C-alpha atoms as a PDB file:
ATOM      1  CA  ILE A   1       9.629   3.160   1.501  1.00  0.00           C
ATOM      2  CA  LEU A   2       9.558   1.246   5.122  1.00  0.00           C
ATOM      3  CA  VAL A   3      11.724   2.570   7.936  1.00  0.00           C
ATOM      4  CA  THR A   4      11.974   0.739  11.290  1.00  0.00           C
ATOM      5  CA  GLY A   5      12.683   2.645  14.525  1.00  0.00           C
ATOM      6  CA  GLY A   6      10.615   5.729  12.143  1.00  0.00           C
ATOM      7  CA  GLY A   7       9.798   7.683  15.538  1.00  0.00           C
ATOM      8  CA  GLY A   8      13.278   7.713  16.871  1.00  0.00           C
ATOM      9  CA  SER A   9      16.624  10.003  16.507  1.00  0.00           C
ATOM     10  CA  ILE A  10      17.577   8.848  13.619  1.00  0.00           C
ATOM     11  CA  GLY A  11      14.590   7.107  12.246  1.00  0.00           C
ATOM     12  CA  SER A  12      12.699  10.283  12.442  1.00  0.00           C
ATOM     13  CA  GLU A  13      15.399  12.154  10.369  1.00  0.00           C
ATOM     14  CA  LEU A  14      15.605   9.457   7.882  1.00  0.00           C
ATOM     15  CA  CYS A  15      11.557   9.957   7.331  1.00  0.00           C
ATOM     16  CA  ARG A  16      12.000  13.765   7.226  1.00  0.00           C
ATOM     17  CA  GLN A  17      15.112  13.423   4.394  1.00  0.00           C
ATOM     18  CA  ILE A  18      13.095  10.961   2.859  1.00  0.00           C
ATOM     19  CA  SER A  19       9.608  13.257   2.403  1.00  0.00           C
ATOM     20  CA  LYS A  20      11.937  15.673   0.861  1.00  0.00           C
ATOM     21  CA  PHE A  21      12.213  13.382  -2.419  1.00  0.00           C
ATOM     22  CA  LYS A  22       8.128  12.816  -2.327  1.00  0.00           C
ATOM     23  CA  PRO A  23       8.251   8.819  -1.913  1.00  0.00           C
ATOM     24  CA  LYS A  24       4.707   7.102  -3.350  1.00  0.00           C
ATOM     25  CA  LYS A  25       4.166   6.144   0.155  1.00  0.00           C
ATOM     26  CA  LEU A  26       6.382   6.250   3.586  1.00  0.00           C
ATOM     27  CA  TYR A  27       5.765   3.813   6.222  1.00  0.00           C
ATOM     28  CA  ILE A  28       7.106   4.525   9.672  1.00  0.00           C
ATOM     29  CA  LEU A  29       7.361   1.755  12.005  1.00  0.00           C
ATOM     30  CA  ASP A  30       8.274   1.931  15.604  1.00  0.00           C
ATOM     31  CA  ILE A  31       7.152   0.320  18.731  1.00  0.00           C
ATOM     32  CA  TYR A  32       6.525   3.861  20.263  1.00  0.00           C
ATOM     33  CA  GLU A  33       3.747   4.898  19.486  1.00  0.00           C
ATOM     34  CA  ASN A  34       4.114   8.849  20.561  1.00  0.00           C
ATOM     35  CA  ASN A  35       7.170   9.830  19.114  1.00  0.00           C
ATOM     36  CA  ALA A  36       5.612   7.963  15.514  1.00  0.00           C
ATOM     37  CA  TYR A  37       2.510   9.543  15.868  1.00  0.00           C
ATOM     38  CA  GLU A  38       4.197  13.512  16.337  1.00  0.00           C
ATOM     39  CA  LEU A  39       6.467  12.895  13.254  1.00  0.00           C
ATOM     40  CA  GLU A  40       3.470  11.588  11.012  1.00  0.00           C
ATOM     41  CA  LEU A  41       1.736  15.215  12.017  1.00  0.00           C
ATOM     42  CA  GLU A  42       4.846  16.670  11.374  1.00  0.00           C
ATOM     43  CA  LEU A  43       5.499  15.112   7.947  1.00  0.00           C
ATOM     44  CA  LYS A  44       1.689  15.610   7.258  1.00  0.00           C
ATOM     45  CA  ASP A  45       1.882  19.494   7.602  1.00  0.00           C
ATOM     46  CA  GLN A  46       5.376  20.025   6.040  1.00  0.00           C
ATOM     47  CA  PHE A  47       4.812  17.075   3.184  1.00  0.00           C
ATOM     48  CA  PRO A  48       0.895  17.165   2.558  1.00  0.00           C
ATOM     49  CA  GLU A  49       1.173  15.251  -0.658  1.00  0.00           C
ATOM     50  CA  ILE A  50       2.742  12.251   0.872  1.00  0.00           C
ATOM     51  CA  GLN A  51       1.142   9.264   1.902  1.00  0.00           C
ATOM     52  CA  TYR A  52       2.087   8.349   5.273  1.00  0.00           C
ATOM     53  CA  ASP A  53       1.374   5.212   7.425  1.00  0.00           C
ATOM     54  CA  VAL A  54       2.154   4.584  11.174  1.00  0.00           C
ATOM     55  CA  ILE A  55       2.515   1.151  12.170  1.00  0.00           C
ATOM     56  CA  ILE A  56       3.047   0.084  15.584  1.00  0.00           C
ATOM     57  CA  ALA A  57       5.050  -2.903  15.939  1.00  0.00           C
ATOM     58  CA  SER A  58       8.392  -4.307  17.124  1.00  0.00           C
ATOM     59  CA  VAL A  59      11.482  -5.859  15.207  1.00  0.00           C
ATOM     60  CA  ARG A  60      11.455  -8.541  17.907  1.00  0.00           C
ATOM     61  CA  ASP A  61       8.376 -10.228  16.852  1.00  0.00           C
ATOM     62  CA  THR A  62       9.274 -11.909  13.504  1.00  0.00           C
ATOM     63  CA  LYS A  63       6.087 -13.051  12.615  1.00  0.00           C
ATOM     64  CA  ARG A  64       4.690  -9.952  12.949  1.00  0.00           C
ATOM     65  CA  ILE A  65       7.244  -8.147  10.972  1.00  0.00           C
ATOM     66  CA  THR A  66       7.241 -11.209   8.091  1.00  0.00           C
ATOM     67  CA  ASN A  67       3.633 -10.234   7.526  1.00  0.00           C
ATOM     68  CA  LEU A  68       3.891  -6.318   7.484  1.00  0.00           C
ATOM     69  CA  PHE A  69       6.540  -6.786   5.036  1.00  0.00           C
ATOM     70  CA  LYS A  70       4.627  -9.238   2.550  1.00  0.00           C
ATOM     71  CA  ALA A  71       1.642  -7.476   2.650  1.00  0.00           C
ATOM     72  CA  LEU A  72       3.426  -3.846   2.388  1.00  0.00           C
ATOM     73  CA  LYS A  73       5.546  -4.824  -0.086  1.00  0.00           C
ATOM     74  CA  PRO A  74       8.401  -1.913   0.683  1.00  0.00           C
ATOM     75  CA  GLN A  75      10.409  -1.425  -2.174  1.00  0.00           C
ATOM     76  CA  ILE A  76      13.448   0.084   0.015  1.00  0.00           C
ATOM     77  CA  ILE A  77      13.650  -0.463   4.066  1.00  0.00           C
ATOM     78  CA  PHE A  78      16.005   1.598   6.068  1.00  0.00           C
ATOM     79  CA  HIS A  79      16.236  -0.279   9.296  1.00  0.00           C
ATOM     80  CA  ALA A  80      16.999   2.107  12.271  1.00  0.00           C
ATOM     81  CA  ALA A  81      15.574  -0.101  14.907  1.00  0.00           C
ATOM     82  CA  ALA A  82      18.103  -0.385  17.921  1.00  0.00           C
ATOM     83  CA  HIS A  83      18.686   0.229  21.182  1.00  0.00           C
ATOM     84  CA  LYS A  84      21.947   2.291  20.988  1.00  0.00           C
ATOM     85  CA  HIS A  85      22.608   4.258  24.205  1.00  0.00           C
ATOM     86  CA  VAL A  86      25.586   2.540  25.769  1.00  0.00           C
ATOM     87  CA  PRO A  87      25.228   3.035  29.121  1.00  0.00           C
ATOM     88  CA  LEU A  88      22.046   1.818  29.303  1.00  0.00           C
ATOM     89  CA  ILE A  89      23.031  -1.255  26.857  1.00  0.00           C
ATOM     90  CA  GLU A  90      26.010  -1.877  29.310  1.00  0.00           C
ATOM     91  CA  ALA A  91      23.786  -2.442  32.092  1.00  0.00           C
ATOM     92  CA  ASN A  92      20.917  -4.434  29.932  1.00  0.00           C
ATOM     93  CA  PRO A  93      23.038  -6.832  27.324  1.00  0.00           C
ATOM     94  CA  ARG A  94      19.806  -9.258  26.644  1.00  0.00           C
ATOM     95  CA  GLU A  95      17.637  -6.430  25.723  1.00  0.00           C
ATOM     96  CA  ALA A  96      20.376  -5.397  23.114  1.00  0.00           C
ATOM     97  CA  ILE A  97      20.681  -8.983  21.518  1.00  0.00           C
ATOM     98  CA  LYS A  98      17.070  -9.417  21.032  1.00  0.00           C
ATOM     99  CA  ASN A  99      16.821  -6.193  19.484  1.00  0.00           C
ATOM    100  CA  ASN A 100      19.799  -5.350  17.642  1.00  0.00           C
ATOM    101  CA  ILE A 101      20.745  -9.217  16.656  1.00  0.00           C
ATOM    102  CA  TYR A 102      17.172 -10.983  16.448  1.00  0.00           C
ATOM    103  CA  GLY A 103      15.131  -7.875  15.449  1.00  0.00           C
ATOM    104  CA  SER A 104      17.731  -7.111  12.571  1.00  0.00           C
ATOM    105  CA  CYS A 105      17.984 -10.792  11.615  1.00  0.00           C
ATOM    106  CA  ASN A 106      13.749 -10.309  11.397  1.00  0.00           C
ATOM    107  CA  VAL A 107      14.073  -7.549   9.300  1.00  0.00           C
ATOM    108  CA  ILE A 108      16.857  -8.810   7.249  1.00  0.00           C
ATOM    109  CA  LYS A 109      14.949 -12.256   6.038  1.00  0.00           C
ATOM    110  CA  ALA A 110      11.396 -10.219   5.947  1.00  0.00           C
ATOM    111  CA  ALA A 111      12.902  -8.019   3.329  1.00  0.00           C
ATOM    112  CA  ILE A 112      14.080 -11.143   1.151  1.00  0.00           C
ATOM    113  CA  GLU A 113      10.778 -12.713   1.923  1.00  0.00           C
ATOM    114  CA  SER A 114       8.709  -9.830   0.553  1.00  0.00           C
ATOM    115  CA  GLU A 115      11.534  -9.688  -2.194  1.00  0.00           C
ATOM    116  CA  ALA A 116      12.242  -5.640  -1.493  1.00  0.00           C
ATOM    117  CA  GLU A 117      14.317  -3.661  -3.538  1.00  0.00           C
ATOM    118  CA  LYS A 118      16.992  -3.028  -0.921  1.00  0.00           C
ATOM    119  CA  MET A 119      17.492  -3.034   2.783  1.00  0.00           C
ATOM    120  CA  VAL A 120      19.588  -0.419   4.643  1.00  0.00           C
ATOM    121  CA  LEU A 121      20.876  -1.175   7.947  1.00  0.00           C
ATOM    122  CA  ILE A 122      21.741   1.772  10.147  1.00  0.00           C
ATOM    123  CA  SER A 123      24.913   0.906  11.928  1.00  0.00           C
ATOM    124  CA  THR A 124      27.526   3.141  14.097  1.00  0.00           C
ATOM    125  CA  ASP A 125      30.483   3.956  14.354  1.00  0.00           C
ATOM    126  CA  LYS A 126      31.060   1.862  17.896  1.00  0.00           C
ATOM    127  CA  ALA A 127      30.438  -1.259  15.638  1.00  0.00           C
ATOM    128  CA  VAL A 128      34.167  -0.660  14.379  1.00  0.00           C
ATOM    129  CA  ASN A 129      36.683  -2.612  16.542  1.00  0.00           C
ATOM    130  CA  PRO A 130      33.621  -3.115  18.997  1.00  0.00           C
ATOM    131  CA  THR A 131      34.774  -2.353  22.762  1.00  0.00           C
ATOM    132  CA  ASN A 132      31.211  -2.333  24.341  1.00  0.00           C
ATOM    133  CA  VAL A 133      27.936  -4.242  24.383  1.00  0.00           C
ATOM    134  CA  MET A 134      26.028  -1.772  22.066  1.00  0.00           C
ATOM    135  CA  GLY A 135      29.018  -1.520  19.376  1.00  0.00           C
ATOM    136  CA  ALA A 136      29.226  -5.598  19.069  1.00  0.00           C
ATOM    137  CA  THR A 137      25.548  -6.421  18.535  1.00  0.00           C
ATOM    138  CA  LYS A 138      25.655  -3.332  15.956  1.00  0.00           C
ATOM    139  CA  ARG A 139      28.659  -5.459  14.410  1.00  0.00           C
ATOM    140  CA  PHE A 140      27.098  -8.652  14.386  1.00  0.00           C
ATOM    141  CA  ALA A 141      24.232  -7.266  12.669  1.00  0.00           C
ATOM    142  CA  GLU A 142      26.527  -5.921   9.806  1.00  0.00           C
ATOM    143  CA  MET A 143      27.954  -9.075   9.835  1.00  0.00           C
ATOM    144  CA  LEU A 144      24.138 -10.646   9.015  1.00  0.00           C
ATOM    145  CA  VAL A 145      23.885  -8.165   6.450  1.00  0.00           C
ATOM    146  CA  GLN A 146      27.037  -9.055   4.692  1.00  0.00           C
ATOM    147  CA  GLY A 147      26.290 -12.938   5.340  1.00  0.00           C
ATOM    148  CA  TYR A 148      22.800 -12.783   4.219  1.00  0.00           C
ATOM    149  CA  ASN A 149      23.644 -10.164   1.068  1.00  0.00           C
ATOM    150  CA  GLN A 150      25.988 -13.014  -1.081  1.00  0.00           C
ATOM    151  CA  GLN A 151      22.936 -15.380  -1.604  1.00  0.00           C
ATOM    152  CA  ARG A 152      19.950 -13.514  -2.132  1.00  0.00           C
ATOM    153  CA  LYS A 153      18.219 -10.905  -4.803  1.00  0.00           C
ATOM    154  CA  THR A 154      17.137  -8.099  -2.432  1.00  0.00           C
ATOM    155  CA  GLU A 155      20.386  -5.702  -2.343  1.00  0.00           C
ATOM    156  CA  LEU A 156      21.554  -5.716   1.819  1.00  0.00           C
ATOM    157  CA  VAL A 157      23.857  -2.806   2.622  1.00  0.00           C
ATOM    158  CA  ALA A 158      24.962  -0.993   5.820  1.00  0.00           C
ATOM    159  CA  ILE A 159      25.722   2.096   6.612  1.00  0.00           C
ATOM    160  CA  ILE A 160      27.673   3.586   9.729  1.00  0.00           C
ATOM    161  CA  VAL A 161      26.030   6.938  11.128  1.00  0.00           C
ATOM    162  CA  ARG A 162      28.239   8.587  13.596  1.00  0.00           C
ATOM    163  CA  ASN A 163      26.911  10.702  16.277  1.00  0.00           C
ATOM    164  CA  VAL A 164      24.894  13.729  15.388  1.00  0.00           C
ATOM    165  CA  LEU A 165      23.501  17.118  16.878  1.00  0.00           C
ATOM    166  CA  GLY A 166      20.481  18.890  16.034  1.00  0.00           C
END
């Protein structure tokens, strides 16, 4: 199993929950090394029987993501890498487009090319009738999932995660 944005708030919790099911191997992919490293230490302590690999990479890097997915051959991919803080995204819309749209497209295409069984986009309730840049970029990513899912063997799905506490 591979989780993009694995060191983030949603991605790290996904990794914790996935670990409870004892996957053969869990790849934690994130651009920010500190959170990913701390998560790896936590998971190795709580679930020592599972193999973990932390991969430092950006979903924006098409070639790196494509090559990684081809080499690792993940069975299931959870795509949680995203810019999500509305005020910051409103001030930096181009970064949201690069990350939330182009990055998602890279993950979708790499999942298909590596013949993953399933790719799950983690979206947000802000993508439903979006009123801000963040919601619009996540809605666009959902539409990419819908479009690519109609013509491929890899199952592509999007799920909506609402704000969480703790």
